[in-house]
Amino acid sequence: MSKEEILLDLISKVLTREYVLDEVRRSNTKSMQEYDFVIKKVSSKETTHS
């Protein structure tokens, strides 16, 4: 899987509400931006309230 495909997979899982973003960390330098995303599977309890 390419880097772009991995990112697209992450985005689609969050947008379809299959997973939710649990944490996001960002670290910026002059030439690079780094992001750490932690996602978690939506529990059945959470889906009934959405």
PDB file of N, CA and C in Angstrom:
ATOM      1  N   MET A   1       0.853  -1.179   0.000  1.00  0.00           N
ATOM      2  CA  MET A   1       0.000   0.000   0.000  1.00  0.00           C
ATOM      3  C   MET A   1       0.899   1.243   0.000  1.00  0.00           C
ATOM      4  N   SER A   2       0.591   2.182  -0.850  1.00  0.00           N
ATOM      5  CA  SER A   2       1.387   3.415  -0.908  1.00  0.00           C
ATOM      6  C   SER A   2       1.027   4.332   0.257  1.00  0.00           C
ATOM      7  N   LYS A   3       1.858   5.320   0.478  1.00  0.00           N
ATOM      8  CA  LYS A   3       1.600   6.293   1.550  1.00  0.00           C
ATOM      9  C   LYS A   3       0.273   7.012   1.319  1.00  0.00           C
ATOM     10  N   GLU A   4       0.020   7.331   0.065  1.00  0.00           N
ATOM     11  CA  GLU A   4      -1.218   8.033  -0.266  1.00  0.00           C
ATOM     12  C   GLU A   4      -2.443   7.148  -0.024  1.00  0.00           C
ATOM     13  N   GLU A   5      -2.319   5.865  -0.337  1.00  0.00           N
ATOM     14  CA  GLU A   5      -3.426   4.939  -0.117  1.00  0.00           C
ATOM     15  C   GLU A   5      -3.703   4.747   1.376  1.00  0.00           C
ATOM     16  N   ILE A   6      -2.658   4.715   2.173  1.00  0.00           N
ATOM     17  CA  ILE A   6      -2.824   4.591   3.620  1.00  0.00           C
ATOM     18  C   ILE A   6      -3.551   5.811   4.172  1.00  0.00           C
ATOM     19  N   LEU A   7      -3.153   6.997   3.727  1.00  0.00           N
ATOM     20  CA  LEU A   7      -3.814   8.224   4.174  1.00  0.00           C
ATOM     21  C   LEU A   7      -5.277   8.244   3.730  1.00  0.00           C
ATOM     22  N   LEU A   8      -5.532   7.866   2.500  1.00  0.00           N
ATOM     23  CA  LEU A   8      -6.904   7.832   1.990  1.00  0.00           C
ATOM     24  C   LEU A   8      -7.754   6.836   2.778  1.00  0.00           C
ATOM     25  N   ASP A   9      -7.183   5.700   3.132  1.00  0.00           N
ATOM     26  CA  ASP A   9      -7.887   4.703   3.929  1.00  0.00           C
ATOM     27  C   ASP A   9      -8.260   5.274   5.299  1.00  0.00           C
ATOM     28  N   LEU A  10      -7.315   5.954   5.928  1.00  0.00           N
ATOM     29  CA  LEU A  10      -7.568   6.580   7.232  1.00  0.00           C
ATOM     30  C   LEU A  10      -8.693   7.604   7.125  1.00  0.00           C
ATOM     31  N   ILE A  11      -8.621   8.447   6.127  1.00  0.00           N
ATOM     32  CA  ILE A  11      -9.637   9.489   5.934  1.00  0.00           C
ATOM     33  C   ILE A  11     -11.009   8.870   5.697  1.00  0.00           C
ATOM     34  N   SER A  12     -11.084   7.870   4.848  1.00  0.00           N
ATOM     35  CA  SER A  12     -12.387   7.269   4.546  1.00  0.00           C
ATOM     36  C   SER A  12     -12.991   6.569   5.757  1.00  0.00           C
ATOM     37  N   LYS A  13     -12.160   5.939   6.596  1.00  0.00           N
ATOM     38  CA  LYS A  13     -12.679   5.289   7.804  1.00  0.00           C
ATOM     39  C   LYS A  13     -13.265   6.311   8.769  1.00  0.00           C
ATOM     40  N   VAL A  14     -12.655   7.466   8.866  1.00  0.00           N
ATOM     41  CA  VAL A  14     -13.161   8.507   9.759  1.00  0.00           C
ATOM     42  C   VAL A  14     -14.408   9.170   9.160  1.00  0.00           C
ATOM     43  N   LEU A  15     -14.377   9.453   7.867  1.00  0.00           N
ATOM     44  CA  LEU A  15     -15.522  10.119   7.236  1.00  0.00           C
ATOM     45  C   LEU A  15     -16.765   9.238   7.190  1.00  0.00           C
ATOM     46  N   THR A  16     -16.582   7.938   7.084  1.00  0.00           N
ATOM     47  CA  THR A  16     -17.735   7.028   7.076  1.00  0.00           C
ATOM     48  C   THR A  16     -18.190   6.675   8.484  1.00  0.00           C
ATOM     49  N   ARG A  17     -17.491   7.220   9.474  1.00  0.00           N
ATOM     50  CA  ARG A  17     -17.799   7.023  10.895  1.00  0.00           C
ATOM     51  C   ARG A  17     -17.636   5.580  11.353  1.00  0.00           C
ATOM     52  N   GLU A  18     -16.848   4.825  10.598  1.00  0.00           N
ATOM     53  CA  GLU A  18     -16.480   3.480  11.028  1.00  0.00           C
ATOM     54  C   GLU A  18     -15.503   3.588  12.209  1.00  0.00           C
ATOM     55  N   TYR A  19     -14.667   4.629  12.169  1.00  0.00           N
ATOM     56  CA  TYR A  19     -13.703   4.926  13.227  1.00  0.00           C
ATOM     57  C   TYR A  19     -13.843   6.399  13.592  1.00  0.00           C
ATOM     58  N   VAL A  20     -13.375   6.766  14.777  1.00  0.00           N
ATOM     59  CA  VAL A  20     -13.349   8.163  15.192  1.00  0.00           C
ATOM     60  C   VAL A  20     -11.905   8.552  15.510  1.00  0.00           C
ATOM     61  N   LEU A  21     -11.600   9.815  15.316  1.00  0.00           N
ATOM     62  CA  LEU A  21     -10.278  10.305  15.696  1.00  0.00           C
ATOM     63  C   LEU A  21     -10.215  10.373  17.210  1.00  0.00           C
ATOM     64  N   ASP A  22      -9.244   9.704  17.764  1.00  0.00           N
ATOM     65  CA  ASP A  22      -9.085   9.699  19.211  1.00  0.00           C
ATOM     66  C   ASP A  22      -8.047  10.734  19.631  1.00  0.00           C
ATOM     67  N   GLU A  23      -6.951  10.796  18.882  1.00  0.00           N
ATOM     68  CA  GLU A  23      -5.888  11.768  19.168  1.00  0.00           C
ATOM     69  C   GLU A  23      -5.257  12.233  17.863  1.00  0.00           C
ATOM     70  N   VAL A  24      -4.814  13.475  17.867  1.00  0.00           N
ATOM     71  CA  VAL A  24      -4.044  14.011  16.746  1.00  0.00           C
ATOM     72  C   VAL A  24      -2.883  14.803  17.326  1.00  0.00           C
ATOM     73  N   ARG A  25      -1.707  14.468  16.872  1.00  0.00           N
ATOM     74  CA  ARG A  25      -0.512  15.198  17.308  1.00  0.00           C
ATOM     75  C   ARG A  25       0.185  15.736  16.067  1.00  0.00           C
ATOM     76  N   ARG A  26       0.689  16.952  16.189  1.00  0.00           N
ATOM     77  CA  ARG A  26       1.364  17.577  15.055  1.00  0.00           C
ATOM     78  C   ARG A  26       2.689  18.150  15.505  1.00  0.00           C
ATOM     79  N   SER A  27       3.696  17.949  14.666  1.00  0.00           N
ATOM     80  CA  SER A  27       5.023  18.481  14.929  1.00  0.00           C
ATOM     81  C   SER A  27       5.529  19.147  13.653  1.00  0.00           C
ATOM     82  N   ASN A  28       5.833  20.424  13.745  1.00  0.00           N
ATOM     83  CA  ASN A  28       6.264  21.167  12.565  1.00  0.00           C
ATOM     84  C   ASN A  28       7.731  21.553  12.653  1.00  0.00           C
ATOM     85  N   THR A  29       8.400  21.394  11.553  1.00  0.00           N
ATOM     86  CA  THR A  29       9.753  21.920  11.409  1.00  0.00           C
ATOM     87  C   THR A  29       9.735  22.819  10.188  1.00  0.00           C
ATOM     88  N   LYS A  30      10.856  23.393   9.866  1.00  0.00           N
ATOM     89  CA  LYS A  30      10.904  24.278   8.700  1.00  0.00           C
ATOM     90  C   LYS A  30      10.499  23.574   7.409  1.00  0.00           C
ATOM     91  N   SER A  31      10.990  22.376   7.217  1.00  0.00           N
ATOM     92  CA  SER A  31      10.780  21.708   5.938  1.00  0.00           C
ATOM     93  C   SER A  31       9.784  20.548   5.992  1.00  0.00           C
ATOM     94  N   MET A  32       9.249  20.256   7.172  1.00  0.00           N
ATOM     95  CA  MET A  32       8.387  19.088   7.278  1.00  0.00           C
ATOM     96  C   MET A  32       7.299  19.289   8.317  1.00  0.00           C
ATOM     97  N   GLN A  33       6.135  18.724   8.017  1.00  0.00           N
ATOM     98  CA  GLN A  33       5.045  18.692   8.991  1.00  0.00           C
ATOM     99  C   GLN A  33       4.729  17.229   9.264  1.00  0.00           C
ATOM    100  N   GLU A  34       4.783  16.849  10.515  1.00  0.00           N
ATOM    101  CA  GLU A  34       4.507  15.472  10.900  1.00  0.00           C
ATOM    102  C   GLU A  34       3.203  15.421  11.684  1.00  0.00           C
ATOM    103  N   TYR A  35       2.408  14.409  11.376  1.00  0.00           N
ATOM    104  CA  TYR A  35       1.140  14.211  12.059  1.00  0.00           C
ATOM    105  C   TYR A  35       1.064  12.776  12.556  1.00  0.00           C
ATOM    106  N   ASP A  36       0.557  12.610  13.748  1.00  0.00           N
ATOM    107  CA  ASP A  36       0.249  11.289  14.291  1.00  0.00           C
ATOM    108  C   ASP A  36      -1.252  11.257  14.540  1.00  0.00           C
ATOM    109  N   PHE A  37      -1.903  10.284  13.944  1.00  0.00           N
ATOM    110  CA  PHE A  37      -3.343  10.130  14.133  1.00  0.00           C
ATOM    111  C   PHE A  37      -3.607   8.815  14.843  1.00  0.00           C
ATOM    112  N   VAL A  38      -4.428   8.866  15.857  1.00  0.00           N
ATOM    113  CA  VAL A  38      -4.868   7.660  16.538  1.00  0.00           C
ATOM    114  C   VAL A  38      -6.373   7.575  16.311  1.00  0.00           C
ATOM    115  N   ILE A  39      -6.798   6.474  15.709  1.00  0.00           N
ATOM    116  CA  ILE A  39      -8.226   6.290  15.471  1.00  0.00           C
ATOM    117  C   ILE A  39      -8.693   5.077  16.254  1.00  0.00           C
ATOM    118  N   LYS A  40      -9.970   5.077  16.596  1.00  0.00           N
ATOM    119  CA  LYS A  40     -10.521   3.914  17.289  1.00  0.00           C
ATOM    120  C   LYS A  40     -11.849   3.547  16.660  1.00  0.00           C
ATOM    121  N   LYS A  41     -12.135   2.270  16.706  1.00  0.00           N
ATOM    122  CA  LYS A  41     -13.373   1.747  16.152  1.00  0.00           C
ATOM    123  C   LYS A  41     -14.541   2.312  16.940  1.00  0.00           C
ATOM    124  N   VAL A  42     -15.580   2.682  16.231  1.00  0.00           N
ATOM    125  CA  VAL A  42     -16.762   3.226  16.880  1.00  0.00           C
ATOM    126  C   VAL A  42     -17.490   2.085  17.572  1.00  0.00           C
ATOM    127  N   SER A  43     -17.825   2.278  18.813  1.00  0.00           N
ATOM    128  CA  SER A  43     -18.564   1.260  19.551  1.00  0.00           C
ATOM    129  C   SER A  43     -20.044   1.338  19.150  1.00  0.00           C
ATOM    130  N   SER A  44     -20.756   0.275  19.359  1.00  0.00           N
ATOM    131  CA  SER A  44     -22.179   0.256  19.011  1.00  0.00           C
ATOM    132  C   SER A  44     -22.949   1.288  19.817  1.00  0.00           C
ATOM    133  N   LYS A  45     -22.501   1.568  21.037  1.00  0.00           N
ATOM    134  CA  LYS A  45     -23.124   2.592  21.879  1.00  0.00           C
ATOM    135  C   LYS A  45     -22.996   3.968  21.230  1.00  0.00           C
ATOM    136  N   GLU A  46     -21.815   4.277  20.664  1.00  0.00           N
ATOM    137  CA  GLU A  46     -21.605   5.571  20.025  1.00  0.00           C
ATOM    138  C   GLU A  46     -22.412   5.707  18.744  1.00  0.00           C
ATOM    139  N   THR A  47     -22.598   4.640  17.991  1.00  0.00           N
ATOM    140  CA  THR A  47     -23.328   4.731  16.728  1.00  0.00           C
ATOM    141  C   THR A  47     -24.806   4.982  16.944  1.00  0.00           C
ATOM    142  N   THR A  48     -25.352   4.550  18.056  1.00  0.00           N
ATOM    143  CA  THR A  48     -26.781   4.784  18.307  1.00  0.00           C
ATOM    144  C   THR A  48     -27.062   6.235  18.673  1.00  0.00           C
ATOM    145  N   HIS A  49     -26.023   6.967  19.133  1.00  0.00           N
ATOM    146  CA  HIS A  49     -26.219   8.365  19.507  1.00  0.00           C
ATOM    147  C   HIS A  49     -25.837   9.333  18.404  1.00  0.00           C
ATOM    148  N   SER A  50     -25.317   8.859  17.278  1.00  0.00           N
ATOM    149  CA  SER A  50     -24.881   9.748  16.194  1.00  0.00           C
ATOM    150  C   SER A  50     -25.990  10.033  15.226  1.00  0.00           C
TER     151      SER A  50
END
